[in-house]
Amino acid sequence: MYTISIIDRKDVKEMELVYFKSFIQVVKSGSYTKASYVLDYAQSSITTHIQKLEAIYGGTQLLERHGKTMKLTPAGETLYSYAEKMLALYEESHLSLNNQEINTVKIGSIESLAIFILPNIIAEFKKKYPDVKVQIFPYTEATILEKIHRNELDFGLIMDKPIHSERIQSLLLKKQEMKIVVYPEHPFTKKKSVTIEDLEKETIVLTEEGCTYRAYLLKQLEKNFIDYRLSMELSSIETIKRAVHNKWGIAFLPTFSIEGDSSVVGISYKDDDFLFYSQLINRRGRIQSQKLQYLIDLFAKREIYGYIR
């Protein structure tokens, strides 16, 4: 039977919770390399954390290699359950304090979702937490992902294919449909749907570079050798719709962005490969306060597909 010796007070002073965090992640990931990626540490740091943790317990070996996977030793199994409890208590204490102290929520969002989706959710959130300041930053998806990774944003709101990442957690909200947006007199108004081939020789108004559905459309145009003319690139969806209304070209926009707008007409875009979802993202492992969890729940009340694991 393996036992863990009691640590005296001078050893306790040297102990860091980060050692336990690294220890637990190595077990979950099965390797130092994967654990370093998830925790955003150098692999050498993870190795050092485990070595120091083993030293604290008198040089007891906690992990051993089985092929390409790191497994718990019998002593490691004993410590693992305690490590989980210690980290759980640590997170619980932070959660308790966060519930009292949080006064700002930072959300990065692509422009279309910030305009058409966020306002109602934020309004409902402010009813319960009127004193919490909500900051919304209009960013491209690439910037949102970077800032989520750096813990500079609490949440990100994006529209793309489902995000699969060990660092970022994604909550799929709704599968989005796209429309080819035209002026009322355009010949496409006689069609029920439009395919990529129908865009041959058309003049197109694009969203700004960095937009995910813009990138998708351009890729499809190139892949299918479609000859088209680029009229202009605009950052504002409202400006794009005005440009279409003025017959300066047609556009490729989410259905929700033209609902209730009689100045333009949206024709369904038929493409079985287009699988974009609106998604609420945040950094994996980040402790969510009661207020932030309430905001997540507000998003979850909409049509929801669930978390990507």
C-alpha atoms as a PDB file:
ATOM      1  CA  MET A   1       0.000   0.000   0.000  1.00  0.00           C
ATOM      2  CA  TYR A   2       1.349   3.438  -0.941  1.00  0.00           C
ATOM      3  CA  THR A   3       1.028   6.420   1.344  1.00  0.00           C
ATOM      4  CA  ILE A   4       1.758  10.123   1.003  1.00  0.00           C
ATOM      5  CA  SER A   5       3.833  11.570   3.818  1.00  0.00           C
ATOM      6  CA  ILE A   6       2.655  14.622   5.738  1.00  0.00           C
ATOM      7  CA  ILE A   7       4.307  17.861   4.638  1.00  0.00           C
ATOM      8  CA  ASP A   8       5.851  20.079   7.271  1.00  0.00           C
ATOM      9  CA  ARG A   9       5.266  23.839   7.357  1.00  0.00           C
ATOM     10  CA  LYS A  10       8.414  24.911   5.502  1.00  0.00           C
ATOM     11  CA  ASP A  11       7.480  22.606   2.604  1.00  0.00           C
ATOM     12  CA  VAL A  12       3.959  24.022   2.510  1.00  0.00           C
ATOM     13  CA  LYS A  13       5.409  27.487   1.908  1.00  0.00           C
ATOM     14  CA  GLU A  14       7.168  26.205  -1.198  1.00  0.00           C
ATOM     15  CA  MET A  15       4.146  24.431  -2.629  1.00  0.00           C
ATOM     16  CA  GLU A  16       2.428  26.040  -5.612  1.00  0.00           C
ATOM     17  CA  LEU A  17      -1.067  25.190  -6.754  1.00  0.00           C
ATOM     18  CA  VAL A  18       0.249  25.406 -10.290  1.00  0.00           C
ATOM     19  CA  TYR A  19       2.156  22.151  -9.672  1.00  0.00           C
ATOM     20  CA  PHE A  20      -1.108  20.381  -8.954  1.00  0.00           C
ATOM     21  CA  LYS A  21      -2.753  22.011 -11.967  1.00  0.00           C
ATOM     22  CA  SER A  22       0.051  20.742 -14.208  1.00  0.00           C
ATOM     23  CA  PHE A  23      -0.095  17.321 -12.568  1.00  0.00           C
ATOM     24  CA  ILE A  24      -3.825  16.978 -13.182  1.00  0.00           C
ATOM     25  CA  GLN A  25      -3.559  18.187 -16.784  1.00  0.00           C
ATOM     26  CA  VAL A  26      -0.760  15.731 -17.622  1.00  0.00           C
ATOM     27  CA  VAL A  27      -2.997  12.927 -16.378  1.00  0.00           C
ATOM     28  CA  LYS A  28      -5.964  14.188 -18.396  1.00  0.00           C
ATOM     29  CA  SER A  29      -3.950  14.843 -21.563  1.00  0.00           C
ATOM     30  CA  GLY A  30      -1.726  11.790 -21.280  1.00  0.00           C
ATOM     31  CA  SER A  31       1.479  13.653 -22.093  1.00  0.00           C
ATOM     32  CA  TYR A  32       3.626  16.609 -21.091  1.00  0.00           C
ATOM     33  CA  THR A  33       3.386  18.040 -24.604  1.00  0.00           C
ATOM     34  CA  LYS A  34      -0.414  18.117 -24.715  1.00  0.00           C
ATOM     35  CA  ALA A  35      -0.607  19.454 -21.160  1.00  0.00           C
ATOM     36  CA  SER A  36       1.782  22.302 -22.014  1.00  0.00           C
ATOM     37  CA  TYR A  37      -0.406  23.222 -24.984  1.00  0.00           C
ATOM     38  CA  VAL A  38      -3.619  23.291 -22.940  1.00  0.00           C
ATOM     39  CA  LEU A  39      -2.070  25.258 -20.059  1.00  0.00           C
ATOM     40  CA  ASP A  40       0.000  27.471 -22.349  1.00  0.00           C
ATOM     41  CA  TYR A  41       3.283  26.646 -20.575  1.00  0.00           C
ATOM     42  CA  ALA A  42       6.578  25.548 -22.049  1.00  0.00           C
ATOM     43  CA  GLN A  43       6.954  21.763 -21.907  1.00  0.00           C
ATOM     44  CA  SER A  44      10.057  22.217 -19.766  1.00  0.00           C
ATOM     45  CA  SER A  45       7.934  24.130 -17.234  1.00  0.00           C
ATOM     46  CA  ILE A  46       5.459  21.253 -16.980  1.00  0.00           C
ATOM     47  CA  THR A  47       8.340  18.840 -16.416  1.00  0.00           C
ATOM     48  CA  THR A  48       9.754  21.110 -13.682  1.00  0.00           C
ATOM     49  CA  HIS A  49       6.338  21.371 -11.988  1.00  0.00           C
ATOM     50  CA  ILE A  50       6.022  17.586 -11.787  1.00  0.00           C
ATOM     51  CA  GLN A  51       9.598  17.201 -10.523  1.00  0.00           C
ATOM     52  CA  LYS A  52       9.031  19.807  -7.793  1.00  0.00           C
ATOM     53  CA  LEU A  53       5.775  18.179  -6.807  1.00  0.00           C
ATOM     54  CA  GLU A  54       7.502  14.808  -6.507  1.00  0.00           C
ATOM     55  CA  ALA A  55      10.268  16.467  -4.460  1.00  0.00           C
ATOM     56  CA  ILE A  56       7.712  17.928  -2.057  1.00  0.00           C
ATOM     57  CA  TYR A  57       6.509  14.393  -1.369  1.00  0.00           C
ATOM     58  CA  GLY A  58       9.957  13.059  -0.629  1.00  0.00           C
ATOM     59  CA  GLY A  59      10.905  12.076  -4.183  1.00  0.00           C
ATOM     60  CA  THR A  60       7.879   9.823  -4.640  1.00  0.00           C
ATOM     61  CA  GLN A  61       7.314   9.005  -8.325  1.00  0.00           C
ATOM     62  CA  LEU A  62       3.850  10.138  -9.346  1.00  0.00           C
ATOM     63  CA  LEU A  63       3.854   9.413 -13.080  1.00  0.00           C
ATOM     64  CA  GLU A  64       5.379   6.762 -15.303  1.00  0.00           C
ATOM     65  CA  ARG A  65       5.471   6.254 -19.045  1.00  0.00           C
ATOM     66  CA  HIS A  66       3.402   3.538 -20.717  1.00  0.00           C
ATOM     67  CA  GLY A  67       4.303   3.664 -24.401  1.00  0.00           C
ATOM     68  CA  LYS A  68       3.558   7.244 -25.478  1.00  0.00           C
ATOM     69  CA  THR A  69       1.222   7.938 -22.562  1.00  0.00           C
ATOM     70  CA  MET A  70       1.961   9.121 -19.038  1.00  0.00           C
ATOM     71  CA  LYS A  71       0.071   7.115 -16.396  1.00  0.00           C
ATOM     72  CA  LEU A  72      -0.329   7.486 -12.649  1.00  0.00           C
ATOM     73  CA  THR A  73       1.749   5.344 -10.340  1.00  0.00           C
ATOM     74  CA  PRO A  74      -0.093   3.904  -7.300  1.00  0.00           C
ATOM     75  CA  ALA A  75       1.212   6.854  -5.261  1.00  0.00           C
ATOM     76  CA  GLY A  76       0.122   9.239  -8.020  1.00  0.00           C
ATOM     77  CA  GLU A  77      -3.392   7.796  -7.896  1.00  0.00           C
ATOM     78  CA  THR A  78      -3.559   8.554  -4.186  1.00  0.00           C
ATOM     79  CA  LEU A  79      -2.387  12.122  -4.663  1.00  0.00           C
ATOM     80  CA  TYR A  80      -4.594  12.753  -7.706  1.00  0.00           C
ATOM     81  CA  SER A  81      -7.841  12.644  -5.749  1.00  0.00           C
ATOM     82  CA  TYR A  82      -6.450  15.106  -3.189  1.00  0.00           C
ATOM     83  CA  ALA A  83      -5.143  17.382  -5.954  1.00  0.00           C
ATOM     84  CA  GLU A  84      -8.584  17.568  -7.557  1.00  0.00           C
ATOM     85  CA  LYS A  85     -10.176  18.462  -4.216  1.00  0.00           C
ATOM     86  CA  MET A  86      -7.578  21.174  -3.505  1.00  0.00           C
ATOM     87  CA  LEU A  87      -8.036  22.788  -6.899  1.00  0.00           C
ATOM     88  CA  ALA A  88     -11.816  22.568  -6.572  1.00  0.00           C
ATOM     89  CA  LEU A  89     -11.657  24.424  -3.249  1.00  0.00           C
ATOM     90  CA  TYR A  90      -9.292  26.983  -4.750  1.00  0.00           C
ATOM     91  CA  GLU A  91     -11.652  27.599  -7.673  1.00  0.00           C
ATOM     92  CA  GLU A  92     -14.642  27.752  -5.345  1.00  0.00           C
ATOM     93  CA  SER A  93     -12.971  30.475  -3.281  1.00  0.00           C
ATOM     94  CA  HIS A  94     -12.205  32.483  -6.419  1.00  0.00           C
ATOM     95  CA  LEU A  95     -15.748  32.022  -7.657  1.00  0.00           C
ATOM     96  CA  SER A  96     -17.120  33.324  -4.372  1.00  0.00           C
ATOM     97  CA  LEU A  97     -14.948  36.434  -4.577  1.00  0.00           C
ATOM     98  CA  ASN A  98     -15.656  36.958  -8.280  1.00  0.00           C
ATOM     99  CA  ASN A  99     -19.378  36.972  -7.610  1.00  0.00           C
ATOM    100  CA  GLN A 100     -18.835  39.932  -5.312  1.00  0.00           C
ATOM    101  CA  GLU A 101     -16.234  41.850  -7.300  1.00  0.00           C
ATOM    102  CA  ILE A 102     -17.029  41.509 -11.010  1.00  0.00           C
ATOM    103  CA  ASN A 103     -18.205  44.827 -12.412  1.00  0.00           C
ATOM    104  CA  THR A 104     -17.236  44.634 -16.084  1.00  0.00           C
ATOM    105  CA  VAL A 105     -17.965  42.068 -18.811  1.00  0.00           C
ATOM    106  CA  LYS A 106     -15.861  42.231 -21.969  1.00  0.00           C
ATOM    107  CA  ILE A 107     -17.279  40.713 -25.148  1.00  0.00           C
ATOM    108  CA  GLY A 108     -15.564  40.628 -28.521  1.00  0.00           C
ATOM    109  CA  SER A 109     -17.974  40.163 -31.422  1.00  0.00           C
ATOM    110  CA  ILE A 110     -18.001  40.205 -35.182  1.00  0.00           C
ATOM    111  CA  GLU A 111     -19.962  43.200 -36.414  1.00  0.00           C
ATOM    112  CA  SER A 112     -23.058  41.396 -37.711  1.00  0.00           C
ATOM    113  CA  LEU A 113     -23.712  39.527 -34.449  1.00  0.00           C
ATOM    114  CA  ALA A 114     -22.923  42.601 -32.358  1.00  0.00           C
ATOM    115  CA  ILE A 115     -25.626  44.564 -34.179  1.00  0.00           C
ATOM    116  CA  PHE A 116     -28.360  41.981 -34.643  1.00  0.00           C
ATOM    117  CA  ILE A 117     -27.940  39.397 -31.853  1.00  0.00           C
ATOM    118  CA  LEU A 118     -26.276  40.993 -28.825  1.00  0.00           C
ATOM    119  CA  PRO A 119     -28.607  43.933 -28.004  1.00  0.00           C
ATOM    120  CA  ASN A 120     -31.563  41.853 -26.742  1.00  0.00           C
ATOM    121  CA  ILE A 121     -29.333  39.572 -24.688  1.00  0.00           C
ATOM    122  CA  ILE A 122     -27.428  42.454 -23.116  1.00  0.00           C
ATOM    123  CA  ALA A 123     -30.687  44.254 -22.335  1.00  0.00           C
ATOM    124  CA  GLU A 124     -31.943  41.198 -20.451  1.00  0.00           C
ATOM    125  CA  PHE A 125     -28.614  40.822 -18.645  1.00  0.00           C
ATOM    126  CA  LYS A 126     -28.724  44.483 -17.534  1.00  0.00           C
ATOM    127  CA  LYS A 127     -32.160  43.989 -16.013  1.00  0.00           C
ATOM    128  CA  LYS A 128     -30.658  41.602 -13.456  1.00  0.00           C
ATOM    129  CA  TYR A 129     -27.231  43.236 -13.149  1.00  0.00           C
ATOM    130  CA  PRO A 130     -27.725  46.955 -13.886  1.00  0.00           C
ATOM    131  CA  ASP A 131     -24.449  47.909 -12.177  1.00  0.00           C
ATOM    132  CA  VAL A 132     -22.278  45.644 -14.329  1.00  0.00           C
ATOM    133  CA  LYS A 133     -20.671  47.491 -17.223  1.00  0.00           C
ATOM    134  CA  VAL A 134     -20.772  45.604 -20.521  1.00  0.00           C
ATOM    135  CA  GLN A 135     -18.062  46.419 -23.043  1.00  0.00           C
ATOM    136  CA  ILE A 136     -18.527  45.206 -26.627  1.00  0.00           C
ATOM    137  CA  PHE A 137     -15.539  45.245 -28.952  1.00  0.00           C
ATOM    138  CA  PRO A 138     -16.098  44.857 -32.727  1.00  0.00           C
ATOM    139  CA  TYR A 139     -13.251  42.602 -33.852  1.00  0.00           C
ATOM    140  CA  THR A 140     -12.521  40.111 -36.580  1.00  0.00           C
ATOM    141  CA  GLU A 141     -12.708  36.460 -35.581  1.00  0.00           C
ATOM    142  CA  ALA A 142      -8.921  36.093 -35.615  1.00  0.00           C
ATOM    143  CA  THR A 143      -8.562  38.965 -33.142  1.00  0.00           C
ATOM    144  CA  ILE A 144     -11.325  37.568 -30.923  1.00  0.00           C
ATOM    145  CA  LEU A 145      -9.651  34.157 -30.748  1.00  0.00           C
ATOM    146  CA  GLU A 146      -6.310  35.749 -29.907  1.00  0.00           C
ATOM    147  CA  LYS A 147      -7.764  37.921 -27.151  1.00  0.00           C
ATOM    148  CA  ILE A 148      -9.762  35.023 -25.670  1.00  0.00           C
ATOM    149  CA  HIS A 149      -6.541  33.027 -25.548  1.00  0.00           C
ATOM    150  CA  ARG A 150      -4.789  35.919 -23.746  1.00  0.00           C
ATOM    151  CA  ASN A 151      -7.669  36.307 -21.258  1.00  0.00           C
ATOM    152  CA  GLU A 152      -8.305  39.846 -22.521  1.00  0.00           C
ATOM    153  CA  LEU A 153     -11.977  39.067 -23.200  1.00  0.00           C
ATOM    154  CA  ASP A 154     -14.563  37.218 -21.130  1.00  0.00           C
ATOM    155  CA  PHE A 155     -16.425  36.000 -24.211  1.00  0.00           C
ATOM    156  CA  GLY A 156     -16.294  36.047 -27.964  1.00  0.00           C
ATOM    157  CA  LEU A 157     -19.207  35.891 -30.387  1.00  0.00           C
ATOM    158  CA  ILE A 158     -18.264  34.518 -33.792  1.00  0.00           C
ATOM    159  CA  MET A 159     -19.788  32.909 -36.876  1.00  0.00           C
ATOM    160  CA  ASP A 160     -17.841  30.058 -38.420  1.00  0.00           C
ATOM    161  CA  LYS A 161     -17.568  26.305 -38.728  1.00  0.00           C
ATOM    162  CA  PRO A 162     -17.552  24.715 -35.226  1.00  0.00           C
ATOM    163  CA  ILE A 163     -14.355  25.612 -33.367  1.00  0.00           C
ATOM    164  CA  HIS A 164     -12.435  22.574 -32.085  1.00  0.00           C
ATOM    165  CA  SER A 165      -9.697  23.599 -29.662  1.00  0.00           C
ATOM    166  CA  GLU A 166      -8.109  22.354 -26.447  1.00  0.00           C
ATOM    167  CA  ARG A 167      -7.738  25.974 -25.335  1.00  0.00           C
ATOM    168  CA  ILE A 168     -11.089  27.473 -26.318  1.00  0.00           C
ATOM    169  CA  GLN A 169     -14.563  26.254 -25.412  1.00  0.00           C
ATOM    170  CA  SER A 170     -17.309  26.842 -27.969  1.00  0.00           C
ATOM    171  CA  LEU A 171     -21.048  26.873 -27.390  1.00  0.00           C
ATOM    172  CA  LEU A 172     -22.898  26.370 -30.689  1.00  0.00           C
ATOM    173  CA  LEU A 173     -25.890  28.688 -30.715  1.00  0.00           C
ATOM    174  CA  LYS A 174     -27.531  28.456 -34.122  1.00  0.00           C
ATOM    175  CA  LYS A 175     -26.801  27.154 -37.601  1.00  0.00           C
ATOM    176  CA  GLN A 176     -26.782  30.224 -39.817  1.00  0.00           C
ATOM    177  CA  GLU A 177     -28.177  30.540 -43.306  1.00  0.00           C
ATOM    178  CA  MET A 178     -26.849  32.913 -45.930  1.00  0.00           C
ATOM    179  CA  LYS A 179     -28.614  35.006 -48.527  1.00  0.00           C
ATOM    180  CA  ILE A 180     -27.499  36.437 -51.828  1.00  0.00           C
ATOM    181  CA  VAL A 181     -28.716  39.996 -51.330  1.00  0.00           C
ATOM    182  CA  VAL A 182     -29.918  41.890 -54.390  1.00  0.00           C
ATOM    183  CA  TYR A 183     -31.878  45.026 -55.299  1.00  0.00           C
ATOM    184  CA  PRO A 184     -35.630  44.488 -55.901  1.00  0.00           C
ATOM    185  CA  GLU A 185     -35.365  44.603 -59.703  1.00  0.00           C
ATOM    186  CA  HIS A 186     -32.543  42.074 -59.997  1.00  0.00           C
ATOM    187  CA  PRO A 187     -33.273  38.924 -62.089  1.00  0.00           C
ATOM    188  CA  PHE A 188     -32.379  36.721 -59.080  1.00  0.00           C
ATOM    189  CA  THR A 189     -35.661  37.775 -57.423  1.00  0.00           C
ATOM    190  CA  LYS A 190     -37.397  35.305 -59.749  1.00  0.00           C
ATOM    191  CA  LYS A 191     -35.358  32.432 -58.288  1.00  0.00           C
ATOM    192  CA  LYS A 192     -36.130  30.456 -55.146  1.00  0.00           C
ATOM    193  CA  SER A 193     -32.449  29.806 -54.498  1.00  0.00           C
ATOM    194  CA  VAL A 194     -29.030  30.628 -55.923  1.00  0.00           C
ATOM    195  CA  THR A 195     -25.919  28.469 -56.257  1.00  0.00           C
ATOM    196  CA  ILE A 196     -22.302  29.495 -56.645  1.00  0.00           C
ATOM    197  CA  GLU A 197     -22.555  28.920 -60.425  1.00  0.00           C
ATOM    198  CA  ASP A 198     -25.291  31.566 -60.673  1.00  0.00           C
ATOM    199  CA  LEU A 199     -22.775  34.226 -59.617  1.00  0.00           C
ATOM    200  CA  GLU A 200     -20.947  34.014 -62.959  1.00  0.00           C
ATOM    201  CA  LYS A 201     -20.371  37.549 -64.349  1.00  0.00           C
ATOM    202  CA  GLU A 202     -22.043  39.170 -61.325  1.00  0.00           C
ATOM    203  CA  THR A 203     -20.752  42.315 -59.618  1.00  0.00           C
ATOM    204  CA  ILE A 204     -20.229  41.691 -55.919  1.00  0.00           C
ATOM    205  CA  VAL A 205     -20.009  43.925 -52.853  1.00  0.00           C
ATOM    206  CA  LEU A 206     -17.912  42.206 -50.195  1.00  0.00           C
ATOM    207  CA  THR A 207     -17.597  42.541 -46.453  1.00  0.00           C
ATOM    208  CA  GLU A 208     -14.175  43.548 -45.120  1.00  0.00           C
ATOM    209  CA  GLU A 209     -11.163  41.242 -45.066  1.00  0.00           C
ATOM    210  CA  GLY A 210     -11.105  39.024 -41.985  1.00  0.00           C
ATOM    211  CA  CYS A 211     -14.802  38.153 -42.282  1.00  0.00           C
ATOM    212  CA  THR A 212     -15.206  34.364 -42.235  1.00  0.00           C
ATOM    213  CA  TYR A 213     -18.157  34.113 -44.623  1.00  0.00           C
ATOM    214  CA  ARG A 214     -16.432  36.495 -47.058  1.00  0.00           C
ATOM    215  CA  ALA A 215     -13.422  34.135 -47.037  1.00  0.00           C
ATOM    216  CA  TYR A 216     -15.747  31.175 -47.644  1.00  0.00           C
ATOM    217  CA  LEU A 217     -17.432  32.838 -50.636  1.00  0.00           C
ATOM    218  CA  LEU A 218     -14.137  33.829 -52.243  1.00  0.00           C
ATOM    219  CA  LYS A 219     -12.824  30.299 -51.806  1.00  0.00           C
ATOM    220  CA  GLN A 220     -15.928  28.853 -53.480  1.00  0.00           C
ATOM    221  CA  LEU A 221     -15.701  31.341 -56.350  1.00  0.00           C
ATOM    222  CA  GLU A 222     -12.087  30.384 -56.952  1.00  0.00           C
ATOM    223  CA  LYS A 223     -12.710  26.660 -56.531  1.00  0.00           C
ATOM    224  CA  ASN A 224     -15.499  26.697 -59.111  1.00  0.00           C
ATOM    225  CA  PHE A 225     -13.675  29.054 -61.526  1.00  0.00           C
ATOM    226  CA  ILE A 226     -16.423  31.662 -61.325  1.00  0.00           C
ATOM    227  CA  ASP A 227     -15.736  34.885 -63.211  1.00  0.00           C
ATOM    228  CA  TYR A 228     -17.044  37.845 -61.212  1.00  0.00           C
ATOM    229  CA  ARG A 229     -16.323  41.545 -60.711  1.00  0.00           C
ATOM    230  CA  LEU A 230     -15.543  43.055 -57.306  1.00  0.00           C
ATOM    231  CA  SER A 231     -17.381  46.343 -56.898  1.00  0.00           C
ATOM    232  CA  MET A 232     -16.272  47.368 -53.397  1.00  0.00           C
ATOM    233  CA  GLU A 233     -15.339  46.151 -49.910  1.00  0.00           C
ATOM    234  CA  LEU A 234     -17.227  47.653 -46.976  1.00  0.00           C
ATOM    235  CA  SER A 235     -16.982  47.101 -43.222  1.00  0.00           C
ATOM    236  CA  SER A 236     -20.571  47.984 -42.323  1.00  0.00           C
ATOM    237  CA  ILE A 237     -23.473  45.673 -43.153  1.00  0.00           C
ATOM    238  CA  GLU A 238     -25.857  48.619 -43.304  1.00  0.00           C
ATOM    239  CA  THR A 239     -23.578  50.323 -45.817  1.00  0.00           C
ATOM    240  CA  ILE A 240     -23.387  47.110 -47.853  1.00  0.00           C
ATOM    241  CA  LYS A 241     -27.176  46.931 -48.012  1.00  0.00           C
ATOM    242  CA  ARG A 242     -27.320  50.553 -49.190  1.00  0.00           C
ATOM    243  CA  ALA A 243     -24.765  49.775 -51.871  1.00  0.00           C
ATOM    244  CA  VAL A 244     -26.889  46.846 -53.052  1.00  0.00           C
ATOM    245  CA  HIS A 245     -30.022  48.999 -53.029  1.00  0.00           C
ATOM    246  CA  ASN A 246     -28.155  51.512 -55.215  1.00  0.00           C
ATOM    247  CA  LYS A 247     -27.428  48.698 -57.686  1.00  0.00           C
ATOM    248  CA  TRP A 248     -23.664  48.792 -57.139  1.00  0.00           C
ATOM    249  CA  GLY A 249     -23.562  45.020 -56.836  1.00  0.00           C
ATOM    250  CA  ILE A 250     -24.972  42.030 -54.965  1.00  0.00           C
ATOM    251  CA  ALA A 251     -23.879  40.813 -51.540  1.00  0.00           C
ATOM    252  CA  PHE A 252     -23.453  37.648 -49.458  1.00  0.00           C
ATOM    253  CA  LEU A 253     -24.904  38.199 -45.973  1.00  0.00           C
ATOM    254  CA  PRO A 254     -26.431  36.234 -43.066  1.00  0.00           C
ATOM    255  CA  THR A 255     -30.210  35.931 -43.200  1.00  0.00           C
ATOM    256  CA  PHE A 256     -30.656  37.632 -39.823  1.00  0.00           C
ATOM    257  CA  SER A 257     -28.929  40.784 -41.101  1.00  0.00           C
ATOM    258  CA  ILE A 258     -31.591  41.559 -43.723  1.00  0.00           C
ATOM    259  CA  GLU A 259     -34.757  40.508 -41.904  1.00  0.00           C
ATOM    260  CA  GLY A 260     -37.301  43.320 -41.922  1.00  0.00           C
ATOM    261  CA  ASP A 261     -35.359  45.349 -44.505  1.00  0.00           C
ATOM    262  CA  SER A 262     -37.549  46.010 -47.558  1.00  0.00           C
ATOM    263  CA  SER A 263     -34.867  47.956 -49.432  1.00  0.00           C
ATOM    264  CA  VAL A 264     -33.168  44.718 -50.536  1.00  0.00           C
ATOM    265  CA  VAL A 265     -34.204  41.153 -51.338  1.00  0.00           C
ATOM    266  CA  GLY A 266     -32.526  38.019 -49.964  1.00  0.00           C
ATOM    267  CA  ILE A 267     -32.352  34.881 -52.113  1.00  0.00           C
ATOM    268  CA  SER A 268     -31.479  31.605 -50.378  1.00  0.00           C
ATOM    269  CA  TYR A 269     -27.918  30.490 -51.029  1.00  0.00           C
ATOM    270  CA  LYS A 270     -27.843  26.757 -51.748  1.00  0.00           C
ATOM    271  CA  ASP A 271     -24.601  25.109 -50.654  1.00  0.00           C
ATOM    272  CA  ASP A 272     -24.504  21.874 -48.665  1.00  0.00           C
ATOM    273  CA  ASP A 273     -20.902  22.559 -47.609  1.00  0.00           C
ATOM    274  CA  PHE A 274     -21.804  25.804 -45.838  1.00  0.00           C
ATOM    275  CA  LEU A 275     -21.997  24.796 -42.152  1.00  0.00           C
ATOM    276  CA  PHE A 276     -21.507  28.000 -40.200  1.00  0.00           C
ATOM    277  CA  TYR A 277     -22.806  28.494 -36.673  1.00  0.00           C
ATOM    278  CA  SER A 278     -23.041  31.477 -34.399  1.00  0.00           C
ATOM    279  CA  GLN A 279     -20.883  30.525 -31.402  1.00  0.00           C
ATOM    280  CA  LEU A 280     -20.195  31.860 -27.935  1.00  0.00           C
ATOM    281  CA  ILE A 281     -16.586  31.151 -27.029  1.00  0.00           C
ATOM    282  CA  ASN A 282     -14.455  31.492 -23.921  1.00  0.00           C
ATOM    283  CA  ARG A 283     -11.159  30.133 -22.644  1.00  0.00           C
ATOM    284  CA  ARG A 284     -11.312  26.566 -21.348  1.00  0.00           C
ATOM    285  CA  GLY A 285     -10.753  26.153 -17.615  1.00  0.00           C
ATOM    286  CA  ARG A 286     -11.593  29.748 -16.814  1.00  0.00           C
ATOM    287  CA  ILE A 287     -13.652  30.088 -13.644  1.00  0.00           C
ATOM    288  CA  GLN A 288     -17.042  31.663 -14.389  1.00  0.00           C
ATOM    289  CA  SER A 289     -18.701  33.816 -11.788  1.00  0.00           C
ATOM    290  CA  GLN A 290     -22.435  33.671 -11.163  1.00  0.00           C
ATOM    291  CA  LYS A 291     -22.897  36.805 -13.261  1.00  0.00           C
ATOM    292  CA  LEU A 292     -20.943  35.457 -16.216  1.00  0.00           C
ATOM    293  CA  GLN A 293     -22.745  32.132 -15.985  1.00  0.00           C
ATOM    294  CA  TYR A 294     -26.052  33.992 -16.118  1.00  0.00           C
ATOM    295  CA  LEU A 295     -24.936  35.637 -19.355  1.00  0.00           C
ATOM    296  CA  ILE A 296     -24.034  32.213 -20.783  1.00  0.00           C
ATOM    297  CA  ASP A 297     -27.487  30.963 -19.795  1.00  0.00           C
ATOM    298  CA  LEU A 298     -29.108  33.856 -21.671  1.00  0.00           C
ATOM    299  CA  PHE A 299     -27.329  32.785 -24.834  1.00  0.00           C
ATOM    300  CA  ALA A 300     -28.266  29.170 -24.144  1.00  0.00           C
ATOM    301  CA  LYS A 301     -31.970  30.119 -24.035  1.00  0.00           C
ATOM    302  CA  ARG A 302     -31.736  30.757 -27.775  1.00  0.00           C
ATOM    303  CA  GLU A 303     -31.720  27.835 -30.225  1.00  0.00           C
ATOM    304  CA  ILE A 304     -28.687  25.891 -29.089  1.00  0.00           C
ATOM    305  CA  TYR A 305     -26.726  22.871 -30.312  1.00  0.00           C
ATOM    306  CA  GLY A 306     -24.480  22.486 -27.259  1.00  0.00           C
ATOM    307  CA  TYR A 307     -20.825  22.636 -26.279  1.00  0.00           C
ATOM    308  CA  ILE A 308     -18.072  21.310 -28.502  1.00  0.00           C
ATOM    309  CA  ARG A 309     -15.883  18.966 -26.471  1.00  0.00           C
END
